[in-house]
Amino acid sequence: MTAASVDDYLAARPEPVRERLERVRAIVHEEVPGVEERISYGMPTFALDGRPVVHVAGWARHLSLYPMPDGDPELERDAAAYTSGRGTVRLPLSEELPEDLVR
């Protein structure tokens, strides 16, 4: 079942996942003034001027952020330990959230 809103998506997640998702949500709002929330592809999506900035999904053991921007060598280096698949950043729940990387 697809959530109707980001709040519904968060409410359906267990506490450790929901807490981490809420922190990522707060960071996105801090860093992207005017960002809008919606559900796209069944996951929370943050958009600016109608265009997606980042999608976030909560899983049992990690969060995923999609897509990772191309063309920034420093970001690619910093995210290398978290990169999984094409354009996916996977942040394990067992580790502290790398807030600087999310920003």
N, C-alpha and C. Protein backbone atom coordinates (compact mmCIF):
# COMPACT_ATOMS: atom_id res chain seq x y z
N MET A 1 0.84 -1.19 0.00
CA MET A 1 0.00 0.00 0.00
C MET A 1 0.88 1.25 0.00
N THR A 2 0.62 2.15 -0.89
CA THR A 2 1.38 3.39 -0.99
C THR A 2 0.80 4.43 -0.05
N ALA A 3 1.67 5.11 0.67
CA ALA A 3 1.25 6.17 1.59
C ALA A 3 0.70 7.35 0.80
N ALA A 4 -0.28 8.03 1.38
CA ALA A 4 -0.87 9.19 0.73
C ALA A 4 -0.05 10.46 0.96
N SER A 5 0.75 10.47 2.03
CA SER A 5 1.55 11.65 2.35
C SER A 5 2.86 11.21 3.02
N VAL A 6 3.77 12.14 3.14
CA VAL A 6 5.03 11.83 3.83
C VAL A 6 4.74 11.50 5.29
N ASP A 7 3.81 12.21 5.91
CA ASP A 7 3.44 11.89 7.29
C ASP A 7 2.92 10.46 7.41
N ASP A 8 2.10 10.03 6.47
CA ASP A 8 1.59 8.65 6.48
C ASP A 8 2.73 7.65 6.31
N TYR A 9 3.66 7.95 5.42
CA TYR A 9 4.81 7.07 5.19
C TYR A 9 5.61 6.92 6.48
N LEU A 10 5.89 8.03 7.14
CA LEU A 10 6.66 8.00 8.38
C LEU A 10 5.91 7.23 9.47
N ALA A 11 4.63 7.46 9.59
CA ALA A 11 3.83 6.80 10.63
C ALA A 11 3.83 5.28 10.47
N ALA A 12 4.01 4.79 9.26
CA ALA A 12 3.97 3.35 9.00
C ALA A 12 5.33 2.68 9.25
N ARG A 13 6.35 3.44 9.60
CA ARG A 13 7.68 2.88 9.81
C ARG A 13 7.95 2.65 11.28
N PRO A 14 8.74 1.62 11.61
CA PRO A 14 9.11 1.40 13.02
C PRO A 14 9.97 2.55 13.53
N GLU A 15 9.98 2.72 14.84
CA GLU A 15 10.63 3.86 15.48
C GLU A 15 12.06 4.16 15.02
N PRO A 16 12.99 3.20 14.97
CA PRO A 16 14.35 3.60 14.57
C PRO A 16 14.40 4.17 13.15
N VAL A 17 13.60 3.61 12.26
CA VAL A 17 13.57 4.08 10.87
C VAL A 17 12.88 5.44 10.81
N ARG A 18 11.75 5.55 11.50
CA ARG A 18 10.99 6.81 11.49
C ARG A 18 11.83 7.95 12.05
N GLU A 19 12.53 7.72 13.13
CA GLU A 19 13.36 8.76 13.74
C GLU A 19 14.43 9.25 12.77
N ARG A 20 15.07 8.33 12.10
CA ARG A 20 16.13 8.68 11.14
C ARG A 20 15.53 9.43 9.94
N LEU A 21 14.39 8.96 9.45
CA LEU A 21 13.73 9.64 8.34
C LEU A 21 13.33 11.06 8.72
N GLU A 22 12.84 11.23 9.94
CA GLU A 22 12.45 12.57 10.38
C GLU A 22 13.66 13.50 10.45
N ARG A 23 14.82 12.97 10.83
CA ARG A 23 16.03 13.81 10.87
C ARG A 23 16.44 14.21 9.46
N VAL A 24 16.40 13.26 8.52
CA VAL A 24 16.73 13.58 7.13
C VAL A 24 15.75 14.61 6.59
N ARG A 25 14.49 14.44 6.90
CA ARG A 25 13.46 15.40 6.48
C ARG A 25 13.79 16.79 6.99
N ALA A 26 14.16 16.91 8.26
CA ALA A 26 14.50 18.22 8.83
C ALA A 26 15.72 18.82 8.13
N ILE A 27 16.72 18.00 7.85
CA ILE A 27 17.92 18.50 7.17
C ILE A 27 17.56 19.03 5.79
N VAL A 28 16.74 18.30 5.06
CA VAL A 28 16.35 18.75 3.71
C VAL A 28 15.65 20.10 3.80
N HIS A 29 14.74 20.25 4.77
CA HIS A 29 14.04 21.53 4.91
C HIS A 29 14.99 22.66 5.31
N GLU A 30 16.01 22.35 6.13
CA GLU A 30 16.99 23.37 6.51
C GLU A 30 17.83 23.80 5.31
N GLU A 31 18.19 22.86 4.47
CA GLU A 31 19.12 23.12 3.37
C GLU A 31 18.47 23.61 2.08
N VAL A 32 17.19 23.31 1.92
CA VAL A 32 16.50 23.67 0.67
C VAL A 32 15.25 24.48 1.00
N PRO A 33 15.41 25.78 1.19
CA PRO A 33 14.25 26.62 1.51
C PRO A 33 13.18 26.49 0.42
N GLY A 34 11.94 26.37 0.86
CA GLY A 34 10.83 26.27 -0.08
C GLY A 34 10.59 24.89 -0.64
N VAL A 35 11.32 23.88 -0.14
CA VAL A 35 11.14 22.52 -0.64
C VAL A 35 9.72 22.04 -0.32
N GLU A 36 9.16 21.29 -1.23
CA GLU A 36 7.83 20.72 -1.06
C GLU A 36 7.96 19.22 -0.88
N GLU A 37 6.99 18.63 -0.17
CA GLU A 37 6.99 17.19 0.06
C GLU A 37 5.86 16.53 -0.72
N ARG A 38 6.15 15.33 -1.18
CA ARG A 38 5.12 14.51 -1.82
C ARG A 38 5.59 13.06 -1.80
N ILE A 39 4.70 12.18 -2.17
CA ILE A 39 5.06 10.78 -2.34
C ILE A 39 5.21 10.55 -3.84
N SER A 40 6.35 10.00 -4.22
CA SER A 40 6.61 9.66 -5.60
C SER A 40 7.36 8.33 -5.61
N TYR A 41 6.99 7.44 -6.50
CA TYR A 41 7.57 6.10 -6.53
C TYR A 41 7.40 5.40 -5.18
N GLY A 42 6.34 5.74 -4.45
CA GLY A 42 6.04 5.11 -3.18
C GLY A 42 6.90 5.55 -2.02
N MET A 43 7.65 6.63 -2.18
CA MET A 43 8.54 7.09 -1.10
C MET A 43 8.50 8.60 -0.98
N PRO A 44 8.91 9.12 0.20
CA PRO A 44 8.96 10.57 0.35
C PRO A 44 9.90 11.19 -0.69
N THR A 45 9.39 12.24 -1.30
CA THR A 45 10.15 12.96 -2.31
C THR A 45 10.10 14.43 -1.96
N PHE A 46 11.25 15.07 -2.04
CA PHE A 46 11.35 16.49 -1.77
C PHE A 46 11.62 17.18 -3.09
N ALA A 47 10.77 18.16 -3.42
CA ALA A 47 10.84 18.81 -4.72
C ALA A 47 10.94 20.32 -4.56
N LEU A 48 11.57 20.93 -5.54
CA LEU A 48 11.69 22.38 -5.59
C LEU A 48 11.26 22.82 -6.97
N ASP A 49 10.35 23.76 -7.02
CA ASP A 49 9.81 24.24 -8.29
C ASP A 49 9.28 23.09 -9.13
N GLY A 50 8.66 22.11 -8.46
CA GLY A 50 8.04 20.99 -9.16
C GLY A 50 8.99 19.88 -9.57
N ARG A 51 10.29 20.06 -9.34
CA ARG A 51 11.28 19.05 -9.75
C ARG A 51 11.85 18.35 -8.52
N PRO A 52 11.94 17.03 -8.56
CA PRO A 52 12.49 16.29 -7.42
C PRO A 52 13.93 16.69 -7.12
N VAL A 53 14.22 16.85 -5.83
CA VAL A 53 15.57 17.10 -5.36
C VAL A 53 16.17 15.80 -4.84
N VAL A 54 15.39 15.09 -4.01
CA VAL A 54 15.85 13.83 -3.45
C VAL A 54 14.64 12.98 -3.05
N HIS A 55 14.78 11.67 -3.23
CA HIS A 55 13.81 10.68 -2.75
C HIS A 55 14.48 9.98 -1.57
N VAL A 56 13.68 9.63 -0.56
CA VAL A 56 14.20 8.95 0.62
C VAL A 56 13.32 7.75 0.92
N ALA A 57 13.94 6.61 1.21
CA ALA A 57 13.19 5.41 1.57
C ALA A 57 13.75 4.81 2.83
N GLY A 58 12.87 4.34 3.70
CA GLY A 58 13.29 3.70 4.94
C GLY A 58 13.13 2.20 4.85
N TRP A 59 14.19 1.50 5.17
CA TRP A 59 14.21 0.04 5.13
C TRP A 59 14.53 -0.48 6.53
N ALA A 60 14.51 -1.78 6.70
CA ALA A 60 14.71 -2.38 8.02
C ALA A 60 16.08 -2.05 8.61
N ARG A 61 17.10 -1.98 7.77
CA ARG A 61 18.46 -1.77 8.27
C ARG A 61 19.16 -0.52 7.76
N HIS A 62 18.49 0.21 6.88
CA HIS A 62 19.14 1.40 6.32
C HIS A 62 18.10 2.36 5.74
N LEU A 63 18.57 3.55 5.43
CA LEU A 63 17.81 4.52 4.63
C LEU A 63 18.50 4.60 3.28
N SER A 64 17.73 4.85 2.26
CA SER A 64 18.31 5.09 0.95
C SER A 64 17.91 6.48 0.48
N LEU A 65 18.87 7.16 -0.12
CA LEU A 65 18.62 8.45 -0.75
C LEU A 65 18.92 8.29 -2.23
N TYR A 66 18.03 8.82 -3.06
CA TYR A 66 18.16 8.70 -4.51
C TYR A 66 17.91 10.06 -5.14
N PRO A 67 18.46 10.42 -6.22
CA PRO A 67 19.72 9.93 -6.76
C PRO A 67 20.87 10.72 -6.16
N MET A 68 22.03 10.14 -6.19
CA MET A 68 23.22 10.88 -5.79
C MET A 68 23.66 11.71 -6.99
N PRO A 69 23.88 13.01 -6.78
CA PRO A 69 24.27 13.86 -7.91
C PRO A 69 25.59 13.42 -8.54
N ASP A 70 25.67 13.55 -9.84
CA ASP A 70 26.90 13.24 -10.58
C ASP A 70 27.77 14.48 -10.68
N GLY A 71 29.05 14.25 -10.92
CA GLY A 71 29.95 15.34 -11.28
C GLY A 71 30.59 16.09 -10.14
N ASP A 72 30.46 15.62 -8.90
CA ASP A 72 31.09 16.29 -7.77
C ASP A 72 32.09 15.31 -7.15
N PRO A 73 33.36 15.38 -7.54
CA PRO A 73 34.36 14.42 -7.07
C PRO A 73 34.46 14.35 -5.54
N GLU A 74 34.35 15.50 -4.88
CA GLU A 74 34.44 15.51 -3.41
C GLU A 74 33.26 14.75 -2.81
N LEU A 75 32.05 14.99 -3.30
CA LEU A 75 30.88 14.27 -2.82
C LEU A 75 31.00 12.78 -3.10
N GLU A 76 31.44 12.45 -4.29
CA GLU A 76 31.61 11.03 -4.64
C GLU A 76 32.60 10.35 -3.70
N ARG A 77 33.68 11.04 -3.36
CA ARG A 77 34.66 10.49 -2.43
C ARG A 77 34.05 10.30 -1.04
N ASP A 78 33.35 11.33 -0.55
CA ASP A 78 32.76 11.27 0.78
C ASP A 78 31.65 10.23 0.89
N ALA A 79 30.95 9.99 -0.21
CA ALA A 79 29.83 9.04 -0.21
C ALA A 79 30.24 7.63 -0.60
N ALA A 80 31.48 7.42 -0.98
CA ALA A 80 31.90 6.11 -1.51
C ALA A 80 31.56 4.95 -0.58
N ALA A 81 31.72 5.14 0.72
CA ALA A 81 31.43 4.06 1.67
C ALA A 81 29.94 3.75 1.76
N TYR A 82 29.10 4.66 1.29
CA TYR A 82 27.65 4.50 1.38
C TYR A 82 26.98 4.25 0.04
N THR A 83 27.74 4.27 -1.04
CA THR A 83 27.17 4.13 -2.36
C THR A 83 26.80 2.68 -2.63
N SER A 84 25.58 2.51 -3.15
CA SER A 84 25.08 1.17 -3.45
C SER A 84 24.26 1.24 -4.71
N GLY A 85 24.74 0.63 -5.76
CA GLY A 85 24.00 0.68 -7.02
C GLY A 85 24.12 2.04 -7.67
N ARG A 86 23.45 2.17 -8.76
CA ARG A 86 23.52 3.40 -9.54
C ARG A 86 22.77 4.54 -8.87
N GLY A 87 23.50 5.53 -8.40
CA GLY A 87 22.88 6.73 -7.86
C GLY A 87 22.23 6.57 -6.50
N THR A 88 22.53 5.51 -5.77
CA THR A 88 21.90 5.26 -4.48
C THR A 88 22.90 5.44 -3.35
N VAL A 89 22.49 6.17 -2.33
CA VAL A 89 23.27 6.30 -1.11
C VAL A 89 22.51 5.52 -0.05
N ARG A 90 23.17 4.55 0.56
CA ARG A 90 22.56 3.68 1.58
C ARG A 90 23.21 4.00 2.92
N LEU A 91 22.39 4.49 3.87
CA LEU A 91 22.87 4.90 5.18
C LEU A 91 22.41 3.89 6.23
N PRO A 92 23.32 3.08 6.76
CA PRO A 92 22.95 2.05 7.73
C PRO A 92 22.38 2.65 9.02
N LEU A 93 21.33 2.04 9.55
CA LEU A 93 20.75 2.49 10.81
C LEU A 93 21.68 2.17 11.98
N SER A 94 22.57 1.23 11.79
CA SER A 94 23.49 0.83 12.86
C SER A 94 24.63 1.83 13.07
N GLU A 95 24.73 2.81 12.18
CA GLU A 95 25.77 3.84 12.29
C GLU A 95 25.12 5.20 12.53
N GLU A 96 25.90 6.11 13.06
CA GLU A 96 25.42 7.47 13.24
C GLU A 96 25.12 8.09 11.87
N LEU A 97 24.05 8.87 11.80
CA LEU A 97 23.69 9.51 10.54
C LEU A 97 24.78 10.50 10.12
N PRO A 98 25.34 10.35 8.91
CA PRO A 98 26.36 11.30 8.45
C PRO A 98 25.68 12.59 7.94
N GLU A 99 25.32 13.44 8.88
CA GLU A 99 24.52 14.63 8.56
C GLU A 99 25.22 15.53 7.56
N ASP A 100 26.53 15.66 7.63
CA ASP A 100 27.24 16.50 6.66
C ASP A 100 27.08 15.96 5.26
N LEU A 101 27.10 14.65 5.11
CA LEU A 101 26.91 14.03 3.80
C LEU A 101 25.48 14.27 3.30
N VAL A 102 24.50 14.13 4.18
CA VAL A 102 23.10 14.37 3.79
C VAL A 102 22.94 15.81 3.35
N ARG A 103 23.56 16.72 4.06
CA ARG A 103 23.47 18.15 3.69
C ARG A 103 24.08 18.37 2.32
